[in-house]
Amino acid sequence: QVQLVESGGGLVQPGGSLRLSCAASGSDFSIYAMGWYRQPPGKQRDLVAGITSGGITNYVDSVKGRFTISRDNAKNTVYLQMNSLKPEDTAVYYCNAVPPLNSLFPSWGQGTQVTVSS
């Protein structure tokens, strides 16, 4: 069964750090670009960081210099290191292919909640 499982979220104070993990089981995603998306309360889900199969990364301006995406193809896992967190980073974080591919991952994972608050 192909699925995405995100983990590592939690409650953190402004300025803190978290490391998110996304394990892709049942599929070899090594040849695909992968990304982290987030959905703040009441808003749409948007891509915030992506990484190609060759390791080239890109970020939206709001997270540049604070977030780092990486991947371990041997473990079928994608990571997101988040530093200097801000309240506006509060969201449910998901991983998926970039762009999302129903043929690769038929459904999104459950996501992991990140809450930045004092």
N, C-alpha and C. Protein backbone atom coordinates (compact mmCIF):
# COMPACT_ATOMS: atom_id res chain seq x y z
N GLN A 1 0.85 -1.19 0.00
CA GLN A 1 0.00 0.00 0.00
C GLN A 1 0.88 1.24 0.00
N VAL A 2 0.68 2.10 -0.99
CA VAL A 2 1.47 3.31 -1.09
C VAL A 2 0.89 4.37 -0.17
N GLN A 3 1.73 4.92 0.69
CA GLN A 3 1.24 5.97 1.56
C GLN A 3 2.36 6.88 2.01
N LEU A 4 1.96 8.06 2.43
CA LEU A 4 2.87 9.07 2.97
C LEU A 4 2.56 9.24 4.44
N VAL A 5 3.58 9.23 5.27
CA VAL A 5 3.39 9.38 6.70
C VAL A 5 4.30 10.48 7.20
N GLU A 6 3.68 11.58 7.62
CA GLU A 6 4.43 12.72 8.15
C GLU A 6 4.50 12.65 9.66
N SER A 7 5.60 13.14 10.22
CA SER A 7 5.76 13.16 11.67
C SER A 7 6.72 14.28 12.07
N GLY A 8 6.77 14.56 13.36
CA GLY A 8 7.73 15.52 13.88
C GLY A 8 7.16 16.86 14.28
N GLY A 9 5.88 17.07 14.05
CA GLY A 9 5.28 18.35 14.41
C GLY A 9 5.10 18.48 15.91
N GLY A 10 4.62 19.65 16.31
CA GLY A 10 4.39 19.88 17.73
C GLY A 10 4.19 21.35 18.03
N LEU A 11 4.18 21.65 19.32
CA LEU A 11 4.04 23.03 19.79
C LEU A 11 5.43 23.56 20.13
N VAL A 12 5.76 24.71 19.58
CA VAL A 12 7.08 25.29 19.80
C VAL A 12 6.93 26.81 19.97
N GLN A 13 7.81 27.39 20.75
CA GLN A 13 7.78 28.84 20.95
C GLN A 13 8.40 29.55 19.75
N PRO A 14 8.02 30.79 19.52
CA PRO A 14 8.67 31.56 18.45
C PRO A 14 10.18 31.55 18.61
N GLY A 15 10.87 31.36 17.49
CA GLY A 15 12.31 31.26 17.50
C GLY A 15 12.83 29.84 17.65
N GLY A 16 11.93 28.92 17.93
CA GLY A 16 12.33 27.53 18.12
C GLY A 16 12.51 26.77 16.82
N SER A 17 12.80 25.48 16.95
CA SER A 17 13.08 24.62 15.79
C SER A 17 12.31 23.32 15.88
N LEU A 18 12.02 22.77 14.72
CA LEU A 18 11.44 21.44 14.60
C LEU A 18 12.01 20.78 13.35
N ARG A 19 12.03 19.46 13.38
CA ARG A 19 12.43 18.70 12.20
C ARG A 19 11.31 17.74 11.83
N LEU A 20 10.77 17.93 10.65
CA LEU A 20 9.71 17.07 10.17
C LEU A 20 10.27 15.96 9.30
N SER A 21 9.61 14.81 9.34
CA SER A 21 9.99 13.67 8.51
C SER A 21 8.78 13.19 7.73
N CYS A 22 9.04 12.68 6.55
CA CYS A 22 7.98 12.11 5.72
C CYS A 22 8.49 10.81 5.12
N ALA A 23 7.86 9.72 5.51
CA ALA A 23 8.24 8.40 5.01
C ALA A 23 7.24 7.98 3.93
N ALA A 24 7.78 7.61 2.80
CA ALA A 24 6.94 7.16 1.68
C ALA A 24 7.08 5.65 1.56
N SER A 25 6.06 4.95 1.94
CA SER A 25 6.12 3.48 1.91
C SER A 25 5.43 2.97 0.66
N GLY A 26 5.91 1.84 0.19
CA GLY A 26 5.27 1.18 -0.93
C GLY A 26 5.57 1.77 -2.28
N SER A 27 6.52 2.72 -2.34
CA SER A 27 6.83 3.33 -3.62
C SER A 27 8.26 3.83 -3.62
N ASP A 28 8.91 3.72 -4.74
CA ASP A 28 10.25 4.27 -4.87
C ASP A 28 10.13 5.67 -5.43
N PHE A 29 10.34 6.65 -4.56
CA PHE A 29 10.13 8.03 -5.00
C PHE A 29 11.43 8.70 -5.44
N SER A 30 12.52 7.94 -5.50
CA SER A 30 13.84 8.55 -5.71
C SER A 30 13.95 9.33 -7.00
N ILE A 31 13.14 9.01 -8.00
CA ILE A 31 13.28 9.71 -9.28
C ILE A 31 12.36 10.93 -9.37
N TYR A 32 11.59 11.18 -8.32
CA TYR A 32 10.62 12.27 -8.35
C TYR A 32 11.05 13.44 -7.47
N ALA A 33 10.67 14.63 -7.92
CA ALA A 33 10.81 15.79 -7.05
C ALA A 33 9.79 15.68 -5.94
N MET A 34 10.20 16.03 -4.73
CA MET A 34 9.32 15.96 -3.57
C MET A 34 9.26 17.32 -2.90
N GLY A 35 8.24 17.51 -2.13
CA GLY A 35 8.10 18.81 -1.47
C GLY A 35 7.32 18.75 -0.19
N TRP A 36 7.44 19.81 0.57
CA TRP A 36 6.64 20.02 1.76
C TRP A 36 5.63 21.12 1.47
N TYR A 37 4.40 20.83 1.82
CA TYR A 37 3.30 21.76 1.67
C TYR A 37 2.76 22.09 3.07
N ARG A 38 2.09 23.23 3.18
CA ARG A 38 1.46 23.52 4.46
C ARG A 38 0.11 24.18 4.23
N GLN A 39 -0.78 23.94 5.21
CA GLN A 39 -2.12 24.49 5.15
C GLN A 39 -2.45 25.15 6.48
N PRO A 40 -2.36 26.49 6.52
CA PRO A 40 -2.74 27.21 7.75
C PRO A 40 -4.25 27.10 7.98
N PRO A 41 -4.70 27.35 9.19
CA PRO A 41 -6.14 27.27 9.47
C PRO A 41 -6.94 28.18 8.55
N GLY A 42 -7.95 27.60 7.89
CA GLY A 42 -8.84 28.37 7.04
C GLY A 42 -8.26 28.80 5.70
N LYS A 43 -7.09 28.30 5.36
CA LYS A 43 -6.45 28.70 4.10
C LYS A 43 -6.15 27.48 3.25
N GLN A 44 -5.71 27.73 2.03
CA GLN A 44 -5.41 26.63 1.12
C GLN A 44 -4.04 26.04 1.41
N ARG A 45 -3.81 24.87 0.88
CA ARG A 45 -2.53 24.18 1.02
C ARG A 45 -1.57 24.66 -0.07
N ASP A 46 -0.38 25.08 0.32
CA ASP A 46 0.60 25.61 -0.61
C ASP A 46 1.95 24.93 -0.43
N LEU A 47 2.70 24.87 -1.50
CA LEU A 47 4.06 24.34 -1.46
C LEU A 47 4.99 25.36 -0.81
N VAL A 48 5.83 24.92 0.12
CA VAL A 48 6.79 25.84 0.74
C VAL A 48 8.23 25.47 0.45
N ALA A 49 8.50 24.20 0.14
CA ALA A 49 9.88 23.79 -0.13
C ALA A 49 9.85 22.56 -1.03
N GLY A 50 10.79 22.52 -1.99
CA GLY A 50 10.87 21.39 -2.89
C GLY A 50 12.30 20.94 -3.08
N ILE A 51 12.46 19.68 -3.47
CA ILE A 51 13.78 19.13 -3.74
C ILE A 51 13.67 18.17 -4.91
N THR A 52 14.56 18.35 -5.88
CA THR A 52 14.55 17.48 -7.04
C THR A 52 15.18 16.13 -6.71
N SER A 53 15.10 15.20 -7.65
CA SER A 53 15.72 13.90 -7.44
C SER A 53 17.23 14.03 -7.27
N GLY A 54 17.80 15.08 -7.86
CA GLY A 54 19.24 15.32 -7.77
C GLY A 54 19.65 16.18 -6.61
N GLY A 55 18.68 16.62 -5.80
CA GLY A 55 19.01 17.36 -4.60
C GLY A 55 18.97 18.88 -4.72
N ILE A 56 18.49 19.40 -5.84
CA ILE A 56 18.36 20.85 -5.97
C ILE A 56 17.12 21.30 -5.21
N THR A 57 17.29 22.33 -4.41
CA THR A 57 16.21 22.77 -3.53
C THR A 57 15.68 24.14 -3.93
N ASN A 58 14.43 24.39 -3.56
CA ASN A 58 13.86 25.73 -3.74
C ASN A 58 12.83 25.97 -2.65
N TYR A 59 12.64 27.25 -2.33
CA TYR A 59 11.79 27.62 -1.20
C TYR A 59 10.96 28.85 -1.55
N VAL A 60 9.82 28.97 -0.90
CA VAL A 60 9.09 30.23 -1.02
C VAL A 60 9.83 31.27 -0.18
N ASP A 61 9.64 32.51 -0.55
CA ASP A 61 10.41 33.58 0.09
C ASP A 61 10.22 33.62 1.60
N SER A 62 9.03 33.30 2.06
CA SER A 62 8.74 33.44 3.48
C SER A 62 9.51 32.48 4.37
N VAL A 63 10.09 31.42 3.80
CA VAL A 63 10.83 30.45 4.61
C VAL A 63 12.31 30.38 4.24
N LYS A 64 12.71 31.10 3.22
CA LYS A 64 14.12 31.07 2.81
C LYS A 64 15.03 31.50 3.95
N GLY A 65 16.11 30.73 4.13
CA GLY A 65 17.05 31.04 5.19
C GLY A 65 16.67 30.47 6.54
N ARG A 66 15.45 29.96 6.65
CA ARG A 66 14.99 29.39 7.92
C ARG A 66 14.69 27.89 7.81
N PHE A 67 14.19 27.46 6.66
CA PHE A 67 13.83 26.05 6.44
C PHE A 67 14.84 25.40 5.51
N THR A 68 15.10 24.12 5.74
CA THR A 68 15.97 23.34 4.87
C THR A 68 15.32 22.00 4.57
N ILE A 69 15.13 21.73 3.30
CA ILE A 69 14.56 20.44 2.88
C ILE A 69 15.70 19.52 2.46
N SER A 70 15.57 18.24 2.78
CA SER A 70 16.57 17.26 2.38
C SER A 70 15.86 15.93 2.15
N ARG A 71 16.58 14.99 1.57
CA ARG A 71 15.98 13.69 1.30
C ARG A 71 17.01 12.59 1.46
N ASP A 72 16.54 11.42 1.84
CA ASP A 72 17.37 10.21 1.93
C ASP A 72 16.67 9.17 1.07
N ASN A 73 17.11 9.02 -0.17
CA ASN A 73 16.42 8.11 -1.08
C ASN A 73 16.52 6.66 -0.63
N ALA A 74 17.58 6.30 0.06
CA ALA A 74 17.73 4.93 0.54
C ALA A 74 16.65 4.59 1.57
N LYS A 75 16.19 5.61 2.26
CA LYS A 75 15.15 5.41 3.28
C LYS A 75 13.77 5.87 2.80
N ASN A 76 13.69 6.34 1.55
CA ASN A 76 12.42 6.86 1.03
C ASN A 76 11.83 7.90 1.97
N THR A 77 12.67 8.80 2.43
CA THR A 77 12.26 9.78 3.43
C THR A 77 12.69 11.19 3.02
N VAL A 78 11.80 12.13 3.28
CA VAL A 78 12.08 13.55 3.06
C VAL A 78 12.00 14.26 4.40
N TYR A 79 12.87 15.23 4.61
CA TYR A 79 12.93 15.96 5.87
C TYR A 79 12.72 17.45 5.64
N LEU A 80 12.27 18.12 6.68
CA LEU A 80 12.19 19.57 6.66
C LEU A 80 12.68 20.08 8.00
N GLN A 81 13.87 20.68 8.01
CA GLN A 81 14.40 21.33 9.20
C GLN A 81 13.89 22.76 9.24
N MET A 82 13.21 23.09 10.31
CA MET A 82 12.61 24.42 10.44
C MET A 82 13.22 25.13 11.63
N ASN A 83 13.88 26.23 11.37
CA ASN A 83 14.50 27.04 12.41
C ASN A 83 13.85 28.42 12.46
N SER A 84 14.11 29.13 13.53
CA SER A 84 13.58 30.50 13.71
C SER A 84 12.09 30.56 13.39
N LEU A 85 11.37 29.65 13.96
CA LEU A 85 9.94 29.54 13.65
C LEU A 85 9.17 30.77 14.11
N LYS A 86 8.15 31.12 13.33
CA LYS A 86 7.31 32.27 13.60
C LYS A 86 5.85 31.82 13.76
N PRO A 87 5.04 32.61 14.43
CA PRO A 87 3.62 32.24 14.56
C PRO A 87 2.95 31.99 13.22
N GLU A 88 3.36 32.72 12.19
CA GLU A 88 2.75 32.54 10.87
C GLU A 88 3.14 31.23 10.19
N ASP A 89 4.06 30.49 10.79
CA ASP A 89 4.39 29.15 10.28
C ASP A 89 3.41 28.09 10.79
N THR A 90 2.52 28.48 11.68
CA THR A 90 1.53 27.54 12.21
C THR A 90 0.66 27.00 11.08
N ALA A 91 0.62 25.67 10.96
CA ALA A 91 -0.11 25.03 9.87
C ALA A 91 -0.02 23.51 10.04
N VAL A 92 -0.80 22.81 9.24
CA VAL A 92 -0.60 21.37 9.08
C VAL A 92 0.35 21.20 7.90
N TYR A 93 1.40 20.45 8.11
CA TYR A 93 2.43 20.25 7.09
C TYR A 93 2.28 18.86 6.47
N TYR A 94 2.35 18.84 5.13
CA TYR A 94 2.23 17.61 4.36
C TYR A 94 3.41 17.48 3.40
N CYS A 95 3.71 16.27 3.02
CA CYS A 95 4.68 16.08 1.94
C CYS A 95 3.97 15.39 0.78
N ASN A 96 4.51 15.58 -0.40
CA ASN A 96 3.99 14.93 -1.60
C ASN A 96 4.97 15.18 -2.72
N ALA A 97 4.71 14.59 -3.85
CA ALA A 97 5.51 14.86 -5.04
C ALA A 97 5.25 16.30 -5.49
N VAL A 98 6.17 16.81 -6.29
CA VAL A 98 6.02 18.15 -6.86
C VAL A 98 6.05 18.02 -8.38
N PRO A 99 4.94 18.29 -9.07
CA PRO A 99 3.60 18.50 -8.50
C PRO A 99 3.03 17.19 -7.97
N PRO A 100 1.96 17.26 -7.19
CA PRO A 100 1.37 16.03 -6.66
C PRO A 100 0.95 15.11 -7.81
N LEU A 101 1.23 13.82 -7.68
CA LEU A 101 0.93 12.85 -8.72
C LEU A 101 0.03 11.77 -8.15
N ASN A 102 -1.21 11.74 -8.61
CA ASN A 102 -2.12 10.69 -8.12
C ASN A 102 -1.63 9.30 -8.50
N SER A 103 -0.91 9.22 -9.60
CA SER A 103 -0.40 7.92 -10.03
C SER A 103 0.69 7.41 -9.11
N LEU A 104 1.36 8.32 -8.39
CA LEU A 104 2.42 7.93 -7.46
C LEU A 104 1.87 7.77 -6.05
N PHE A 105 1.20 8.81 -5.58
CA PHE A 105 0.58 8.78 -4.25
C PHE A 105 -0.91 9.11 -4.42
N PRO A 106 -1.76 8.10 -4.37
CA PRO A 106 -3.20 8.31 -4.62
C PRO A 106 -3.88 9.23 -3.63
N SER A 107 -3.28 9.39 -2.45
CA SER A 107 -3.90 10.27 -1.48
C SER A 107 -2.82 10.96 -0.63
N TRP A 108 -3.19 12.06 -0.06
CA TRP A 108 -2.28 12.78 0.84
C TRP A 108 -2.21 12.04 2.18
N GLY A 109 -1.12 12.24 2.90
CA GLY A 109 -1.01 11.70 4.24
C GLY A 109 -1.85 12.50 5.22
N GLN A 110 -1.74 12.15 6.47
CA GLN A 110 -2.55 12.83 7.48
C GLN A 110 -1.97 14.18 7.88
N GLY A 111 -0.72 14.41 7.50
CA GLY A 111 -0.07 15.66 7.85
C GLY A 111 0.41 15.66 9.29
N THR A 112 1.17 16.67 9.63
CA THR A 112 1.64 16.84 11.00
C THR A 112 1.46 18.30 11.40
N GLN A 113 0.86 18.51 12.56
CA GLN A 113 0.52 19.85 13.01
C GLN A 113 1.73 20.55 13.61
N VAL A 114 1.99 21.76 13.13
CA VAL A 114 3.03 22.61 13.71
C VAL A 114 2.34 23.86 14.26
N THR A 115 2.53 24.11 15.54
CA THR A 115 1.95 25.27 16.18
C THR A 115 3.07 26.08 16.81
N VAL A 116 3.17 27.33 16.40
CA VAL A 116 4.20 28.22 16.94
C VAL A 116 3.49 29.29 17.77
N SER A 117 3.71 29.21 19.06
CA SER A 117 3.00 30.10 19.97
C SER A 117 3.75 30.19 21.29
N SER A 118 3.67 31.36 21.91
CA SER A 118 4.26 31.54 23.23
C SER A 118 3.22 31.27 24.31
